[in-house]
N, C-alpha and C. Protein backbone atom coordinates (compact mmCIF):
# COMPACT_ATOMS: atom_id res chain seq x y z
N MET A 1 49.65 -143.19 64.86
CA MET A 1 49.02 -142.11 64.13
C MET A 1 47.79 -142.65 63.41
N GLU A 2 46.71 -141.89 63.50
CA GLU A 2 45.46 -142.33 62.88
C GLU A 2 45.48 -142.08 61.38
N ASP A 3 44.85 -143.00 60.70
CA ASP A 3 44.70 -142.87 59.26
C ASP A 3 43.60 -141.84 58.97
N ILE A 4 43.75 -141.10 57.89
CA ILE A 4 42.76 -140.08 57.54
C ILE A 4 41.40 -140.70 57.28
N ARG A 5 41.38 -141.92 56.77
CA ARG A 5 40.12 -142.61 56.50
C ARG A 5 39.36 -142.91 57.79
N GLU A 6 40.09 -143.31 58.84
CA GLU A 6 39.45 -143.58 60.12
C GLU A 6 38.86 -142.31 60.72
N ILE A 7 39.57 -141.20 60.58
CA ILE A 7 39.06 -139.93 61.09
C ILE A 7 37.79 -139.54 60.33
N TYR A 8 37.80 -139.71 59.01
CA TYR A 8 36.63 -139.39 58.20
C TYR A 8 35.44 -140.26 58.59
N GLU A 9 35.67 -141.55 58.74
CA GLU A 9 34.58 -142.45 59.09
C GLU A 9 34.01 -142.16 60.47
N ARG A 10 34.86 -141.69 61.38
CA ARG A 10 34.38 -141.38 62.72
C ARG A 10 33.59 -140.08 62.76
N ARG A 11 33.96 -139.10 61.94
CA ARG A 11 33.33 -137.78 62.00
C ARG A 11 32.18 -137.59 61.02
N SER A 12 32.17 -138.27 59.90
CA SER A 12 31.19 -138.02 58.86
C SER A 12 29.92 -138.83 59.08
N TYR A 13 28.79 -138.18 58.84
CA TYR A 13 27.51 -138.87 58.93
C TYR A 13 27.28 -139.75 57.71
N LEU A 14 27.89 -139.42 56.60
CA LEU A 14 27.68 -140.18 55.37
C LEU A 14 28.54 -141.44 55.31
N ALA A 15 29.48 -141.60 56.21
CA ALA A 15 30.38 -142.74 56.16
C ALA A 15 29.91 -143.87 57.07
N LYS A 16 28.69 -143.81 57.56
CA LYS A 16 28.17 -144.85 58.44
C LYS A 16 26.96 -145.51 57.80
N ALA A 17 26.81 -146.78 58.04
CA ALA A 17 25.64 -147.51 57.55
C ALA A 17 24.61 -147.55 58.67
N TYR A 18 23.62 -146.69 58.58
CA TYR A 18 22.59 -146.63 59.60
C TYR A 18 21.54 -147.70 59.33
N ASN A 19 20.78 -148.02 60.36
CA ASN A 19 19.69 -148.96 60.23
C ASN A 19 18.64 -148.36 59.29
N PRO A 20 18.27 -149.07 58.22
CA PRO A 20 17.29 -148.51 57.27
C PRO A 20 15.94 -148.21 57.91
N PHE A 21 15.55 -148.98 58.92
CA PHE A 21 14.28 -148.71 59.58
C PHE A 21 14.35 -147.42 60.41
N LEU A 22 15.52 -147.12 60.96
CA LEU A 22 15.70 -145.87 61.68
C LEU A 22 15.61 -144.69 60.72
N ILE A 23 16.26 -144.79 59.57
CA ILE A 23 16.19 -143.74 58.56
C ILE A 23 14.75 -143.56 58.10
N SER A 24 14.06 -144.67 57.89
CA SER A 24 12.66 -144.63 57.46
C SER A 24 11.78 -143.94 58.51
N ALA A 25 12.00 -144.25 59.77
CA ALA A 25 11.21 -143.63 60.84
C ALA A 25 11.48 -142.13 60.94
N ILE A 26 12.73 -141.74 60.80
CA ILE A 26 13.08 -140.31 60.86
C ILE A 26 12.45 -139.56 59.68
N VAL A 27 12.58 -140.11 58.49
CA VAL A 27 12.01 -139.47 57.30
C VAL A 27 10.49 -139.42 57.40
N GLY A 28 9.87 -140.49 57.88
CA GLY A 28 8.42 -140.50 58.06
C GLY A 28 7.96 -139.48 59.08
N GLY A 29 8.71 -139.32 60.17
CA GLY A 29 8.36 -138.34 61.19
C GLY A 29 8.47 -136.91 60.67
N ILE A 30 9.54 -136.63 59.94
CA ILE A 30 9.70 -135.28 59.38
C ILE A 30 8.61 -135.02 58.34
N SER A 31 8.28 -136.03 57.56
CA SER A 31 7.21 -135.91 56.58
C SER A 31 5.88 -135.58 57.26
N LEU A 32 5.60 -136.27 58.37
CA LEU A 32 4.37 -135.99 59.12
C LEU A 32 4.35 -134.56 59.64
N LEU A 33 5.48 -134.08 60.15
CA LEU A 33 5.55 -132.70 60.65
C LEU A 33 5.30 -131.68 59.53
N VAL A 34 5.87 -131.93 58.36
CA VAL A 34 5.67 -131.01 57.24
C VAL A 34 4.21 -131.04 56.78
N MET A 35 3.61 -132.24 56.73
CA MET A 35 2.20 -132.35 56.34
C MET A 35 1.31 -131.59 57.32
N LEU A 36 1.55 -131.79 58.61
CA LEU A 36 0.75 -131.10 59.62
C LEU A 36 1.00 -129.60 59.61
N GLY A 37 2.24 -129.20 59.35
CA GLY A 37 2.55 -127.77 59.22
C GLY A 37 1.82 -127.14 58.05
N GLY A 38 1.75 -127.84 56.93
CA GLY A 38 1.01 -127.34 55.77
C GLY A 38 -0.48 -127.24 56.06
N LYS A 39 -1.00 -128.23 56.77
CA LYS A 39 -2.43 -128.21 57.14
C LYS A 39 -2.71 -127.05 58.11
N LEU A 40 -1.79 -126.82 59.04
CA LEU A 40 -1.94 -125.72 59.99
C LEU A 40 -1.88 -124.36 59.28
N CYS A 41 -0.94 -124.21 58.35
CA CYS A 41 -0.84 -122.96 57.59
C CYS A 41 -2.11 -122.70 56.79
N TYR A 42 -2.69 -123.74 56.23
CA TYR A 42 -3.92 -123.61 55.48
C TYR A 42 -5.08 -123.24 56.40
N ALA A 43 -5.15 -123.88 57.58
CA ALA A 43 -6.24 -123.62 58.51
C ALA A 43 -6.16 -122.20 59.09
N MET A 44 -4.95 -121.71 59.31
CA MET A 44 -4.78 -120.37 59.86
C MET A 44 -4.90 -119.28 58.79
N GLY A 45 -4.87 -119.67 57.55
CA GLY A 45 -4.97 -118.70 56.46
C GLY A 45 -3.68 -117.97 56.16
N TRP A 46 -2.57 -118.50 56.61
CA TRP A 46 -1.28 -117.86 56.39
C TRP A 46 -0.83 -117.94 54.94
N MET A 47 -1.13 -119.05 54.32
CA MET A 47 -0.74 -119.24 52.93
C MET A 47 -1.67 -120.26 52.28
N GLY A 48 -1.80 -120.15 51.00
CA GLY A 48 -2.67 -121.08 50.28
C GLY A 48 -1.94 -122.37 49.95
N VAL A 49 -2.33 -123.42 50.60
CA VAL A 49 -1.73 -124.74 50.36
C VAL A 49 -2.80 -125.60 49.70
N SER A 50 -2.44 -126.26 48.62
CA SER A 50 -3.42 -127.08 47.92
C SER A 50 -3.80 -128.28 48.77
N GLN A 51 -4.92 -128.88 48.42
CA GLN A 51 -5.40 -130.01 49.20
C GLN A 51 -4.55 -131.25 48.95
N SER A 52 -3.80 -131.27 47.85
CA SER A 52 -2.93 -132.41 47.57
C SER A 52 -1.52 -132.22 48.13
N PHE A 53 -1.31 -131.21 48.95
CA PHE A 53 0.01 -130.95 49.54
C PHE A 53 0.53 -132.15 50.34
N PRO A 54 -0.28 -132.86 51.12
CA PRO A 54 0.25 -134.04 51.82
C PRO A 54 0.77 -135.12 50.86
N TRP A 55 0.14 -135.26 49.71
CA TRP A 55 0.63 -136.23 48.73
C TRP A 55 1.97 -135.79 48.15
N LEU A 56 2.11 -134.49 47.91
CA LEU A 56 3.38 -133.95 47.44
C LEU A 56 4.48 -134.14 48.47
N THR A 57 4.15 -133.89 49.73
CA THR A 57 5.11 -134.07 50.81
C THR A 57 5.54 -135.52 50.94
N ALA A 58 4.58 -136.43 50.87
CA ALA A 58 4.90 -137.86 50.98
C ALA A 58 5.83 -138.28 49.85
N ALA A 59 5.54 -137.85 48.64
CA ALA A 59 6.39 -138.21 47.50
C ALA A 59 7.78 -137.60 47.64
N SER A 60 7.85 -136.37 48.10
CA SER A 60 9.14 -135.70 48.26
C SER A 60 10.02 -136.42 49.27
N PHE A 61 9.43 -136.82 50.38
CA PHE A 61 10.23 -137.47 51.41
C PHE A 61 10.56 -138.91 51.04
N LEU A 62 9.78 -139.52 50.17
CA LEU A 62 10.18 -140.84 49.65
C LEU A 62 11.45 -140.70 48.81
N LEU A 63 11.52 -139.63 48.03
CA LEU A 63 12.73 -139.37 47.24
C LEU A 63 13.92 -139.08 48.14
N VAL A 64 13.72 -138.33 49.21
CA VAL A 64 14.80 -138.05 50.16
C VAL A 64 15.31 -139.36 50.76
N TYR A 65 14.40 -140.24 51.16
CA TYR A 65 14.81 -141.53 51.72
C TYR A 65 15.59 -142.33 50.68
N ALA A 66 15.11 -142.35 49.45
CA ALA A 66 15.77 -143.13 48.41
C ALA A 66 17.21 -142.68 48.20
N ILE A 67 17.42 -141.39 48.14
CA ILE A 67 18.77 -140.88 47.88
C ILE A 67 19.69 -141.14 49.07
N PHE A 68 19.25 -140.76 50.27
CA PHE A 68 20.13 -140.92 51.43
C PHE A 68 20.39 -142.39 51.75
N ASN A 69 19.40 -143.22 51.62
CA ASN A 69 19.60 -144.63 51.93
C ASN A 69 20.54 -145.29 50.92
N ALA A 70 20.44 -144.87 49.67
CA ALA A 70 21.37 -145.41 48.67
C ALA A 70 22.80 -145.01 48.99
N VAL A 71 23.00 -143.79 49.46
CA VAL A 71 24.35 -143.34 49.83
C VAL A 71 24.84 -144.09 51.06
N PHE A 72 23.97 -144.26 52.06
CA PHE A 72 24.36 -144.98 53.28
C PHE A 72 24.66 -146.45 52.99
N SER A 73 24.08 -147.01 51.95
CA SER A 73 24.32 -148.42 51.64
C SER A 73 25.77 -148.67 51.25
N LEU A 74 26.48 -147.65 50.79
CA LEU A 74 27.89 -147.83 50.42
C LEU A 74 28.76 -148.17 51.62
N SER A 75 28.34 -147.78 52.80
CA SER A 75 29.15 -148.00 54.00
C SER A 75 28.82 -149.31 54.71
N SER A 76 27.88 -150.06 54.21
CA SER A 76 27.49 -151.30 54.89
C SER A 76 28.52 -152.39 54.67
N LYS A 77 28.63 -153.27 55.65
CA LYS A 77 29.57 -154.39 55.55
C LYS A 77 29.03 -155.46 54.61
N ASN A 78 27.75 -155.83 54.78
CA ASN A 78 27.12 -156.84 53.95
C ASN A 78 26.03 -156.15 53.12
N ILE A 79 26.33 -155.88 51.87
CA ILE A 79 25.42 -155.09 51.03
C ILE A 79 24.11 -155.83 50.76
N ASP A 80 24.14 -157.15 50.63
CA ASP A 80 22.92 -157.89 50.34
C ASP A 80 21.94 -157.83 51.52
N HIS A 81 22.45 -158.00 52.72
CA HIS A 81 21.61 -157.93 53.92
C HIS A 81 21.04 -156.52 54.08
N TYR A 82 21.87 -155.52 53.85
CA TYR A 82 21.42 -154.14 53.98
C TYR A 82 20.35 -153.81 52.95
N MET A 83 20.52 -154.28 51.71
CA MET A 83 19.54 -154.01 50.66
C MET A 83 18.19 -154.63 50.98
N GLY A 84 18.19 -155.85 51.51
CA GLY A 84 16.94 -156.50 51.87
C GLY A 84 16.18 -155.72 52.94
N ARG A 85 16.90 -155.33 53.97
CA ARG A 85 16.27 -154.55 55.04
C ARG A 85 15.85 -153.17 54.54
N SER A 86 16.63 -152.61 53.64
CA SER A 86 16.35 -151.30 53.11
C SER A 86 15.07 -151.29 52.26
N ILE A 87 14.89 -152.32 51.47
CA ILE A 87 13.68 -152.41 50.64
C ILE A 87 12.45 -152.58 51.52
N LEU A 88 12.56 -153.39 52.57
CA LEU A 88 11.43 -153.54 53.50
C LEU A 88 11.11 -152.22 54.20
N ALA A 89 12.13 -151.49 54.59
CA ALA A 89 11.92 -150.18 55.23
C ALA A 89 11.28 -149.19 54.26
N PHE A 90 11.68 -149.26 52.99
CA PHE A 90 11.09 -148.38 51.98
C PHE A 90 9.61 -148.70 51.79
N LEU A 91 9.29 -149.98 51.71
CA LEU A 91 7.88 -150.37 51.56
C LEU A 91 7.06 -149.94 52.76
N ALA A 92 7.63 -150.05 53.96
CA ALA A 92 6.92 -149.59 55.16
C ALA A 92 6.72 -148.07 55.11
N LEU A 93 7.74 -147.34 54.65
CA LEU A 93 7.63 -145.89 54.54
C LEU A 93 6.57 -145.50 53.50
N VAL A 94 6.51 -146.23 52.40
CA VAL A 94 5.49 -145.96 51.39
C VAL A 94 4.10 -146.16 51.99
N ALA A 95 3.91 -147.26 52.71
CA ALA A 95 2.60 -147.55 53.30
C ALA A 95 2.20 -146.49 54.33
N VAL A 96 3.12 -146.11 55.19
CA VAL A 96 2.83 -145.11 56.22
C VAL A 96 2.59 -143.74 55.59
N SER A 97 3.41 -143.37 54.62
CA SER A 97 3.24 -142.07 53.95
C SER A 97 1.91 -142.02 53.21
N TRP A 98 1.56 -143.11 52.57
CA TRP A 98 0.30 -143.20 51.84
C TRP A 98 -0.87 -143.00 52.82
N LEU A 99 -0.82 -143.69 53.95
CA LEU A 99 -1.88 -143.60 54.95
C LEU A 99 -1.96 -142.20 55.55
N LEU A 100 -0.83 -141.62 55.90
CA LEU A 100 -0.82 -140.28 56.48
C LEU A 100 -1.34 -139.24 55.49
N ALA A 101 -0.89 -139.33 54.24
CA ALA A 101 -1.35 -138.37 53.24
C ALA A 101 -2.85 -138.51 53.00
N ARG A 102 -3.34 -139.74 53.03
CA ARG A 102 -4.79 -139.97 52.84
C ARG A 102 -5.58 -139.39 54.01
N LEU A 103 -5.09 -139.59 55.23
CA LEU A 103 -5.80 -139.09 56.40
C LEU A 103 -5.75 -137.58 56.50
N ILE A 104 -4.60 -136.98 56.23
CA ILE A 104 -4.45 -135.54 56.40
C ILE A 104 -5.12 -134.77 55.26
N SER A 105 -4.99 -135.27 54.03
CA SER A 105 -5.59 -134.54 52.91
C SER A 105 -7.09 -134.79 52.79
N GLY A 106 -7.52 -135.96 53.17
CA GLY A 106 -8.94 -136.29 53.06
C GLY A 106 -9.35 -136.74 51.66
N ILE A 107 -8.39 -136.86 50.75
CA ILE A 107 -8.71 -137.31 49.41
C ILE A 107 -7.89 -138.56 49.09
N PRO A 108 -8.49 -139.52 48.40
CA PRO A 108 -7.72 -140.71 48.01
C PRO A 108 -6.72 -140.37 46.91
N ILE A 109 -5.79 -141.25 46.72
CA ILE A 109 -4.72 -140.98 45.75
C ILE A 109 -5.25 -140.91 44.32
N ASN A 110 -6.35 -141.59 44.03
CA ASN A 110 -6.92 -141.54 42.67
C ASN A 110 -7.45 -140.14 42.34
N GLU A 111 -7.87 -139.40 43.34
CA GLU A 111 -8.39 -138.06 43.12
C GLU A 111 -7.31 -136.99 43.30
N ALA A 112 -6.13 -137.37 43.72
CA ALA A 112 -5.05 -136.41 43.98
C ALA A 112 -4.24 -136.08 42.74
N GLY A 113 -4.63 -136.57 41.61
CA GLY A 113 -3.89 -136.28 40.39
C GLY A 113 -2.97 -137.43 40.01
N THR A 114 -1.76 -137.09 39.66
CA THR A 114 -0.82 -138.09 39.15
C THR A 114 0.07 -138.69 40.23
N TYR A 115 -0.31 -138.56 41.46
CA TYR A 115 0.57 -139.01 42.53
C TYR A 115 0.72 -140.53 42.59
N ARG A 116 -0.25 -141.26 42.08
CA ARG A 116 -0.10 -142.72 42.03
C ARG A 116 1.08 -143.08 41.13
N TRP A 117 1.17 -142.41 39.98
CA TRP A 117 2.28 -142.67 39.07
C TRP A 117 3.60 -142.17 39.65
N ILE A 118 3.53 -141.08 40.37
CA ILE A 118 4.75 -140.56 41.00
C ILE A 118 5.27 -141.55 42.03
N PHE A 119 4.39 -142.15 42.81
CA PHE A 119 4.81 -143.17 43.78
C PHE A 119 5.42 -144.37 43.06
N PHE A 120 4.82 -144.77 41.94
CA PHE A 120 5.36 -145.89 41.17
C PHE A 120 6.74 -145.58 40.63
N VAL A 121 6.92 -144.39 40.08
CA VAL A 121 8.22 -143.98 39.53
C VAL A 121 9.27 -143.88 40.64
N LEU A 122 8.88 -143.36 41.80
CA LEU A 122 9.82 -143.27 42.92
C LEU A 122 10.26 -144.65 43.39
N GLY A 123 9.33 -145.60 43.42
CA GLY A 123 9.71 -146.96 43.78
C GLY A 123 10.69 -147.57 42.79
N PHE A 124 10.44 -147.35 41.52
CA PHE A 124 11.34 -147.85 40.48
C PHE A 124 12.71 -147.18 40.57
N CYS A 125 12.72 -145.86 40.76
CA CYS A 125 13.99 -145.12 40.87
C CYS A 125 14.77 -145.56 42.11
N TYR A 126 14.06 -145.85 43.18
CA TYR A 126 14.74 -146.32 44.39
C TYR A 126 15.47 -147.64 44.12
N LEU A 127 14.80 -148.55 43.43
CA LEU A 127 15.46 -149.82 43.11
C LEU A 127 16.66 -149.60 42.18
N VAL A 128 16.56 -148.65 41.27
CA VAL A 128 17.69 -148.33 40.39
C VAL A 128 18.84 -147.74 41.20
N PHE A 129 18.54 -146.79 42.10
CA PHE A 129 19.59 -146.21 42.97
C PHE A 129 20.31 -147.30 43.75
N LEU A 130 19.54 -148.18 44.38
CA LEU A 130 20.15 -149.24 45.18
C LEU A 130 20.99 -150.18 44.32
N SER A 131 20.50 -150.49 43.14
CA SER A 131 21.25 -151.38 42.24
C SER A 131 22.56 -150.75 41.81
N ILE A 132 22.53 -149.47 41.49
CA ILE A 132 23.75 -148.78 41.09
C ILE A 132 24.75 -148.75 42.24
N MET A 133 24.28 -148.45 43.43
CA MET A 133 25.18 -148.40 44.58
C MET A 133 25.76 -149.79 44.90
N GLY A 134 24.92 -150.81 44.79
CA GLY A 134 25.42 -152.17 45.01
C GLY A 134 26.46 -152.56 43.98
N LEU A 135 26.24 -152.18 42.73
CA LEU A 135 27.21 -152.46 41.67
C LEU A 135 28.52 -151.71 41.90
N ILE A 136 28.41 -150.45 42.29
CA ILE A 136 29.62 -149.66 42.58
C ILE A 136 30.40 -150.29 43.72
N LYS A 137 29.70 -150.70 44.77
CA LYS A 137 30.37 -151.30 45.93
C LYS A 137 31.08 -152.59 45.53
N ARG A 138 30.43 -153.40 44.71
CA ARG A 138 31.06 -154.66 44.28
C ARG A 138 32.26 -154.42 43.37
N ILE A 139 32.17 -153.43 42.49
CA ILE A 139 33.29 -153.12 41.60
C ILE A 139 34.48 -152.62 42.41
N VAL A 140 34.23 -151.74 43.37
CA VAL A 140 35.33 -151.22 44.20
C VAL A 140 35.95 -152.34 45.03
N ALA A 141 35.13 -153.23 45.58
CA ALA A 141 35.65 -154.36 46.36
C ALA A 141 36.51 -155.27 45.48
N TYR A 142 36.06 -155.51 44.25
CA TYR A 142 36.83 -156.34 43.33
C TYR A 142 38.16 -155.66 42.97
N ALA A 143 38.11 -154.37 42.73
CA ALA A 143 39.33 -153.64 42.36
C ALA A 143 40.32 -153.61 43.52
N GLN A 144 39.84 -153.55 44.74
CA GLN A 144 40.74 -153.54 45.88
C GLN A 144 41.35 -154.92 46.13
N ARG A 145 40.64 -155.98 45.80
CA ARG A 145 41.17 -157.33 45.96
C ARG A 145 42.17 -157.69 44.87
N GLU A 146 42.01 -157.10 43.71
CA GLU A 146 42.85 -157.42 42.56
C GLU A 146 44.28 -157.01 42.82
N GLU A 147 45.20 -157.83 42.38
CA GLU A 147 46.61 -157.53 42.56
C GLU A 147 47.07 -156.72 41.35
N TRP A 148 47.60 -155.55 41.60
CA TRP A 148 47.99 -154.65 40.52
C TRP A 148 49.52 -154.65 40.39
N ASN A 149 49.99 -155.49 39.51
CA ASN A 149 51.42 -155.53 39.21
C ASN A 149 51.68 -154.82 37.90
N GLN A 150 52.93 -154.80 37.57
CA GLN A 150 53.30 -154.19 36.29
C GLN A 150 52.67 -155.00 35.17
N PRO A 151 52.08 -154.34 34.19
CA PRO A 151 51.46 -155.09 33.09
C PRO A 151 52.49 -155.90 32.32
N ARG A 152 51.99 -156.98 31.77
CA ARG A 152 52.88 -157.84 30.99
C ARG A 152 53.35 -157.11 29.74
N LEU A 153 54.62 -157.24 29.47
CA LEU A 153 55.17 -156.66 28.25
C LEU A 153 55.07 -157.70 27.15
N ARG A 154 54.56 -157.30 26.05
CA ARG A 154 54.39 -158.23 24.93
C ARG A 154 55.41 -157.90 23.85
N TYR A 155 55.81 -158.94 23.20
CA TYR A 155 56.75 -158.77 22.10
C TYR A 155 55.99 -158.21 20.91
N ARG A 156 56.55 -157.13 20.35
CA ARG A 156 55.96 -156.56 19.15
C ARG A 156 57.01 -156.61 18.04
N LYS A 157 56.48 -156.86 16.88
CA LYS A 157 57.36 -156.86 15.72
C LYS A 157 57.80 -155.43 15.42
N PRO A 158 59.04 -155.26 15.05
CA PRO A 158 59.48 -153.89 14.72
C PRO A 158 58.75 -153.38 13.47
N ARG A 159 58.47 -152.11 13.47
CA ARG A 159 57.78 -151.49 12.33
C ARG A 159 58.74 -151.36 11.16
N LYS A 160 58.16 -151.44 10.03
CA LYS A 160 58.93 -151.20 8.81
C LYS A 160 58.97 -149.72 8.57
N ARG A 161 60.16 -149.25 8.34
CA ARG A 161 60.29 -147.82 8.08
C ARG A 161 60.18 -147.58 6.57
N ILE A 162 59.47 -146.55 6.23
CA ILE A 162 59.27 -146.24 4.81
C ILE A 162 60.19 -145.15 4.37
């Protein structure tokens, strides 16, 4: 009979540790499609999209990558190896998103408003997410290794009754 955990790990997308570069490529591709879709909507006159929309899209999909990759890191066998590859994939996604947003919008990030600070904050938050997930994984691994026996009973002096 199969264990419920094995069934969950086989069926759930969140219970697998995917390659961080694959996640980065998928998120970057979807980000590119949304940027081009916004540019197309603006060119066709269907809706008013600001010129900084590609920068907003890039920042939004960086946050999506940060959240999903932090969740996927819980399923990895070697958390340190996964974190190293994950950070490199994040930096690659930042560089590609930055370049795509610059090319599609036609404005540099300094003229796009506060998006430079948003990119900085997203990078910092990503490192915090990964650190929290790594800490959680280590605590759970330690708790599972720990032997849980009956707690030691200590001798207590009897209370004085008044």
